Structures are given as structure tokens and as C-alpha cells.
Amino acid sequence: MKALIVDDNDIARATLAHLAKQIPGLTVVNQYSNAIDAYNHLQKEQIEILFLDIEMPEMTGIELTKNLSGKDTIIIFTTSNREYALQAFELNIADYILKPVMPARFLQAVSKAQSILESRKENIQMTQDEFLFVRDSNITRRLKLDDIFYAEAMGDYVKFYTREKMFAIHGTMKSAEERLPKNDFIRVHRSYIISVSKIDTLQDGGIMINGKFIPVADAYRKILNTRMNVF
């Protein structure tokens, strides 16, 4: 895994570089004291992991992350402040480490990034044109995966909900879970699979998607919170 370290503090960069050397398979290809130089690097080379400070002059880590929208780089924030946690959640980063960075915490973050990379390898890369075929009133229709808000079990059927309508297909939640890409969908209840990008709010006992309350079972809550980087 190729990584960049971006931090305007010399000691912080040296600490992260030292920790990275202890992890087999993780290579820090460069270090930068500002986000602009890191951005220019990322336009030229594919980097798997970005260890990124938040408070930096000229361009903050938050701003850099927004400018990298659409790239596959996994971002791990390293910061001294807790106050950016909500923004980090909204940007769907991999992890959020508070300084001083401890070895065990660093390893945990890298392990999470490795899991994300492995998940990507196991699943066919998604594009806006990928789809499922579903039978609707004896007509087989093409349903774009990006249009799906959530899936709900109903007896021997699974109902797929989009903004406009619902499609019911004969099958099980297990088969639906296997078919839907793990990068984009997550099981939150024995009866529900949801699109992570379609979540509006998280609240006690469940989540809201397109005006629908969907319960989150205790067995899946920790997985969801980890996936969404909830603090």
C-alpha cells in the first residue's frame, strides 16, 4: 500500500513515518508540509492511503478531502482537535486519529484501511451504469444500483425501494446481500439492507432514508457506527 503523509508539523510527520515503517506492506512514498503539494502529487500518482492533518495554512485537510471527491484514496485524519469529527463523518473518511498518535491506534486505522482495500478487490468496481435485472409485472426491467435506497425482506420476496417506486423480486435477503456491493450497501437488520450514501440521519434505534425510518438491530449497530465513523 502506497501512502502520503501531510502535516505542517515536522515532528508529527516524523512520528507517522516511523510508525508506518513498522507495518509490512505499507510504504510512505512522500511527505508534505502542505495540502497543495499533496493535491498535486495525487493528480499524478494513485495513492491508497493519505494520512492527513486538518489544520494547515493555505489549504486545510478538510478542503483537500473535498477536492479529492471521486478519487479512491483512503483518508485517515490525524488531528489534535475533536471538533472536526462531524465534518469527517460527512466526508466518509476511513478513520479519525487524535494526536499524539499512539502505535496501537495507528495500527487500528491502517487495519481498517486494509479491510476497505480488500473489500474493493473482492467486489466488482461499481460504476453508475451497473445494475440489477428485476421482474416487474411480468416485465424484466433494468434497475441501476445507484437508484436503490434500501431493500426490505417480505416473506419469500425482497423489495427494492427507489425514489419513485418499489420493485419486489422473489429471493432472500442473503442472496440480495451477496449481490449488492459491500462498498455501497450494508445490512442493518435481518429485514433491511441500506445504501450508505442514501442515509439522511442517524438516531436512536435507527436511521432515516428518504423519509422512511429503518430500524438498526443491536447486532449490526457497531458495524454501522464503524462504517460511518460515528463518534
Protein backbone atom coordinates (compact mmCIF):
# COMPACT_ATOMS: atom_id res chain seq x y z
CA MET A 1 0.00 0.00 0.00
CA LYS A 2 1.36 3.38 -1.01
CA ALA A 3 0.79 6.27 1.39
CA LEU A 4 1.35 10.01 1.73
CA ILE A 5 1.82 11.92 4.97
CA VAL A 6 0.56 15.51 5.01
CA ASP A 7 1.17 17.63 8.10
CA ASP A 8 2.70 21.07 8.63
CA ASN A 9 4.39 19.86 11.82
CA ASP A 10 7.82 18.26 11.30
CA ILE A 11 7.60 16.11 14.43
CA ALA A 12 4.13 14.84 13.53
CA ARG A 13 5.32 13.80 10.06
CA ALA A 14 8.37 12.06 11.51
CA THR A 15 6.20 10.20 14.05
CA LEU A 16 3.81 8.92 11.38
CA ALA A 17 6.68 7.92 9.10
CA HIS A 18 8.29 5.96 11.94
CA LEU A 19 5.04 4.15 12.74
CA ALA A 20 4.46 3.36 9.07
CA LYS A 21 7.87 1.68 8.81
CA GLN A 22 6.74 -0.87 11.40
CA ILE A 23 3.90 -2.14 9.19
CA PRO A 24 4.81 -4.61 6.41
CA GLY A 25 3.38 -3.70 3.04
CA LEU A 26 2.87 -0.02 3.89
CA THR A 27 5.20 2.37 2.04
CA VAL A 28 5.28 6.12 2.55
CA VAL A 29 6.20 7.43 -0.91
CA ASN A 30 6.39 11.07 0.18
CA GLN A 31 5.72 13.57 2.95
CA TYR A 32 4.34 17.08 2.56
CA SER A 33 4.04 20.06 4.89
CA ASN A 34 1.08 21.48 2.98
CA ALA A 35 -2.06 20.18 1.31
CA ILE A 36 -1.48 21.86 -2.05
CA ASP A 37 1.69 19.88 -2.76
CA ALA A 38 -0.11 16.71 -1.71
CA TYR A 39 -3.01 17.53 -4.05
CA ASN A 40 -0.60 17.96 -6.98
CA HIS A 41 1.02 14.60 -6.15
CA LEU A 42 -2.36 12.86 -6.06
CA GLN A 43 -3.18 14.15 -9.55
CA LYS A 44 -0.15 12.30 -10.91
CA GLU A 45 0.01 9.06 -8.89
CA GLN A 46 -2.51 6.64 -7.41
CA ILE A 47 -2.11 6.59 -3.63
CA GLU A 48 -4.01 4.11 -1.47
CA ILE A 49 -3.79 5.85 1.93
CA LEU A 50 -3.50 9.51 2.89
CA PHE A 51 -2.53 10.40 6.47
CA LEU A 52 -3.85 13.94 6.64
CA ASP A 53 -3.67 16.72 9.22
CA ILE A 54 -6.63 19.09 9.29
CA GLU A 55 -5.42 22.49 10.46
CA MET A 56 -2.85 23.65 7.90
CA PRO A 57 -2.18 27.00 6.22
CA GLU A 58 -3.38 27.78 2.67
CA MET A 59 -5.50 24.62 2.35
CA THR A 60 -6.90 22.60 5.26
CA GLY A 61 -7.22 18.83 5.34
CA ILE A 62 -11.00 19.21 5.09
CA GLU A 63 -10.64 21.32 1.95
CA LEU A 64 -8.19 18.86 0.38
CA THR A 65 -10.57 15.97 1.06
CA LYS A 66 -13.42 17.80 -0.65
CA ASN A 67 -11.18 18.48 -3.65
CA LEU A 68 -10.38 14.77 -3.88
CA SER A 69 -14.02 13.80 -4.30
CA GLY A 70 -14.29 10.91 -6.75
CA LYS A 71 -10.83 9.51 -6.05
CA ASP A 72 -10.30 6.13 -4.40
CA THR A 73 -7.69 7.35 -1.91
CA ILE A 74 -8.48 6.24 1.65
CA ILE A 75 -8.17 9.18 4.02
CA ILE A 76 -7.17 8.94 7.67
CA PHE A 77 -7.30 12.25 9.54
CA THR A 78 -4.66 12.90 12.21
CA THR A 79 -5.52 15.92 14.32
CA SER A 80 -5.30 17.42 17.79
CA ASN A 81 -8.92 18.57 17.71
CA ARG A 82 -12.14 16.63 18.24
CA GLU A 83 -14.28 19.43 16.83
CA TYR A 84 -13.95 18.25 13.21
CA ALA A 85 -15.44 14.81 13.87
CA LEU A 86 -18.86 15.67 12.42
CA GLN A 87 -17.34 17.05 9.22
CA ALA A 88 -15.18 13.94 8.99
CA PHE A 89 -18.29 11.77 9.25
CA GLU A 90 -19.91 13.69 6.42
CA LEU A 91 -16.83 13.22 4.22
CA ASN A 92 -16.89 9.46 4.82
CA ILE A 93 -13.20 9.15 5.71
CA ALA A 94 -11.75 5.85 6.92
CA ASP A 95 -10.65 6.96 10.38
CA TYR A 96 -10.02 9.92 12.67
CA ILE A 97 -6.97 9.73 14.96
CA LEU A 98 -6.34 12.20 17.75
CA LYS A 99 -2.76 13.30 18.40
CA PRO A 100 -0.46 12.25 19.87
CA VAL A 101 -0.77 9.20 17.63
CA MET A 102 -0.19 6.01 19.59
CA PRO A 103 1.17 2.87 17.86
CA ALA A 104 -1.87 0.73 18.67
CA ARG A 105 -4.27 3.38 17.39
CA PHE A 106 -2.22 3.85 14.23
CA LEU A 107 -2.25 0.11 13.58
CA GLN A 108 -6.01 0.02 14.09
CA ALA A 109 -6.51 2.75 11.48
CA VAL A 110 -4.24 1.05 8.96
CA SER A 111 -6.05 -2.26 9.52
CA LYS A 112 -9.34 -0.53 8.76
CA ALA A 113 -7.86 0.88 5.55
CA GLN A 114 -6.58 -2.58 4.60
CA SER A 115 -10.07 -4.01 5.10
CA ILE A 116 -11.52 -1.36 2.80
CA LEU A 117 -8.93 -2.16 0.13
CA GLU A 118 -9.60 -5.89 0.40
CA SER A 119 -13.33 -5.28 0.13
CA ARG A 120 -12.74 -3.33 -3.07
CA LYS A 121 -10.72 -6.19 -4.52
CA GLU A 122 -13.40 -8.73 -3.68
CA ASN A 123 -16.17 -6.79 -5.36
CA ILE A 124 -16.51 -5.70 -8.95
CA GLN A 125 -15.80 -1.97 -9.12
CA MET A 126 -19.07 -0.10 -9.32
CA THR A 127 -19.96 2.44 -12.00
CA GLN A 128 -23.09 4.50 -12.48
CA ASP A 129 -24.17 2.14 -15.27
CA GLU A 130 -24.13 -1.10 -13.26
CA PHE A 131 -27.49 -2.61 -12.49
CA LEU A 132 -29.70 -5.50 -11.47
CA PHE A 133 -32.42 -7.09 -13.55
CA VAL A 134 -35.74 -7.24 -11.70
CA ARG A 135 -39.11 -8.62 -12.77
CA ASP A 136 -41.94 -6.08 -12.57
CA SER A 137 -45.45 -7.13 -13.65
CA ASN A 138 -44.07 -9.92 -15.84
CA ILE A 139 -41.61 -7.50 -17.43
CA THR A 140 -37.90 -7.73 -16.70
CA ARG A 141 -36.51 -4.27 -16.03
CA ARG A 142 -33.03 -2.91 -15.52
CA LEU A 143 -32.56 -1.29 -12.10
CA LYS A 144 -29.49 0.87 -11.56
CA LEU A 145 -27.79 0.11 -8.26
CA ASP A 146 -27.25 3.80 -7.60
CA ASP A 147 -31.04 4.31 -7.64
CA ILE A 148 -31.63 1.86 -4.75
CA PHE A 149 -32.30 3.46 -1.35
CA TYR A 150 -32.80 0.25 0.62
CA ALA A 151 -34.01 -3.34 0.42
CA GLU A 152 -36.63 -4.89 2.70
CA ALA A 153 -37.47 -8.55 3.30
CA MET A 154 -41.11 -9.57 2.84
CA GLY A 155 -41.74 -13.32 3.09
CA ASP A 156 -40.22 -15.01 0.04
CA TYR A 157 -39.60 -11.65 -1.61
CA VAL A 158 -37.15 -8.78 -1.34
CA LYS A 159 -38.47 -5.29 -2.03
CA PHE A 160 -36.06 -2.76 -3.55
CA TYR A 161 -37.04 0.86 -2.96
CA THR A 162 -36.06 3.76 -5.22
CA ARG A 163 -37.18 7.38 -5.05
CA GLU A 164 -40.09 6.77 -7.42
CA LYS A 165 -41.27 3.20 -6.78
CA MET A 166 -40.73 -0.22 -5.26
CA PHE A 167 -39.70 -3.43 -7.04
CA ALA A 168 -40.44 -6.83 -5.46
CA ILE A 169 -38.40 -9.84 -6.55
CA HIS A 170 -38.54 -13.46 -5.47
CA GLY A 171 -35.49 -14.17 -3.32
CA THR A 172 -33.86 -13.95 0.09
CA MET A 173 -32.06 -11.20 1.95
CA LYS A 174 -28.96 -13.38 1.95
CA SER A 175 -28.93 -13.52 -1.84
CA ALA A 176 -29.59 -9.77 -2.04
CA GLU A 177 -26.74 -9.07 0.38
CA GLU A 178 -24.40 -11.18 -1.75
CA ARG A 179 -25.44 -9.41 -4.95
CA LEU A 180 -25.21 -5.84 -3.66
CA PRO A 181 -21.68 -4.34 -3.48
CA LYS A 182 -20.33 -4.16 0.07
CA ASN A 183 -18.70 -0.80 -0.61
CA ASP A 184 -22.11 0.80 -1.08
CA PHE A 185 -24.65 -1.29 0.88
CA ILE A 186 -24.73 -2.59 4.44
CA ARG A 187 -27.05 -4.90 6.39
CA VAL A 188 -28.54 -3.10 9.41
CA HIS A 189 -31.33 -5.51 10.37
CA ARG A 190 -32.43 -9.03 9.48
CA SER A 191 -35.08 -7.38 7.30
CA TYR A 192 -33.17 -4.39 5.89
CA ILE A 193 -30.14 -3.60 3.73
CA ILE A 194 -29.47 0.09 3.14
CA SER A 195 -27.46 2.22 0.72
CA VAL A 196 -24.86 4.03 2.85
CA SER A 197 -24.86 7.09 0.60
CA LYS A 198 -28.63 7.50 0.98
CA ILE A 199 -28.64 7.88 4.79
CA ASP A 200 -30.21 11.20 5.82
CA THR A 201 -29.84 10.99 9.61
CA LEU A 202 -28.87 8.52 12.32
CA GLN A 203 -30.93 8.44 15.51
CA ASP A 204 -31.63 6.23 18.49
CA GLY A 205 -32.82 2.88 17.27
CA GLY A 206 -32.48 3.50 13.57
CA ILE A 207 -31.81 5.70 10.57
CA MET A 208 -33.84 7.83 8.16
CA ILE A 209 -33.67 7.32 4.40
CA ASN A 210 -35.92 9.28 2.05
CA GLY A 211 -38.42 9.92 4.86
CA LYS A 212 -38.51 6.26 5.93
CA PHE A 213 -37.45 5.15 9.42
CA ILE A 214 -35.40 1.97 9.24
CA PRO A 215 -34.57 0.12 12.46
CA VAL A 216 -30.98 -0.83 13.22
CA ALA A 217 -30.62 -4.07 15.16
CA ASP A 218 -28.14 -4.21 18.04
CA ALA A 219 -26.19 -6.93 16.24
CA TYR A 220 -25.47 -4.56 13.35
CA ARG A 221 -25.14 -1.25 15.23
CA LYS A 222 -21.40 -1.48 15.92
CA ILE A 223 -20.68 -2.37 12.28
CA LEU A 224 -22.76 0.59 11.07
CA ASN A 225 -21.14 3.04 13.50
CA THR A 226 -17.68 1.87 12.48
CA ARG A 227 -18.55 2.14 8.80
CA MET A 228 -19.95 5.64 9.24
CA ASN A 229 -17.14 6.76 11.60
CA VAL A 230 -19.62 7.79 14.29
CA PHE A 231 -18.03 9.24 17.40
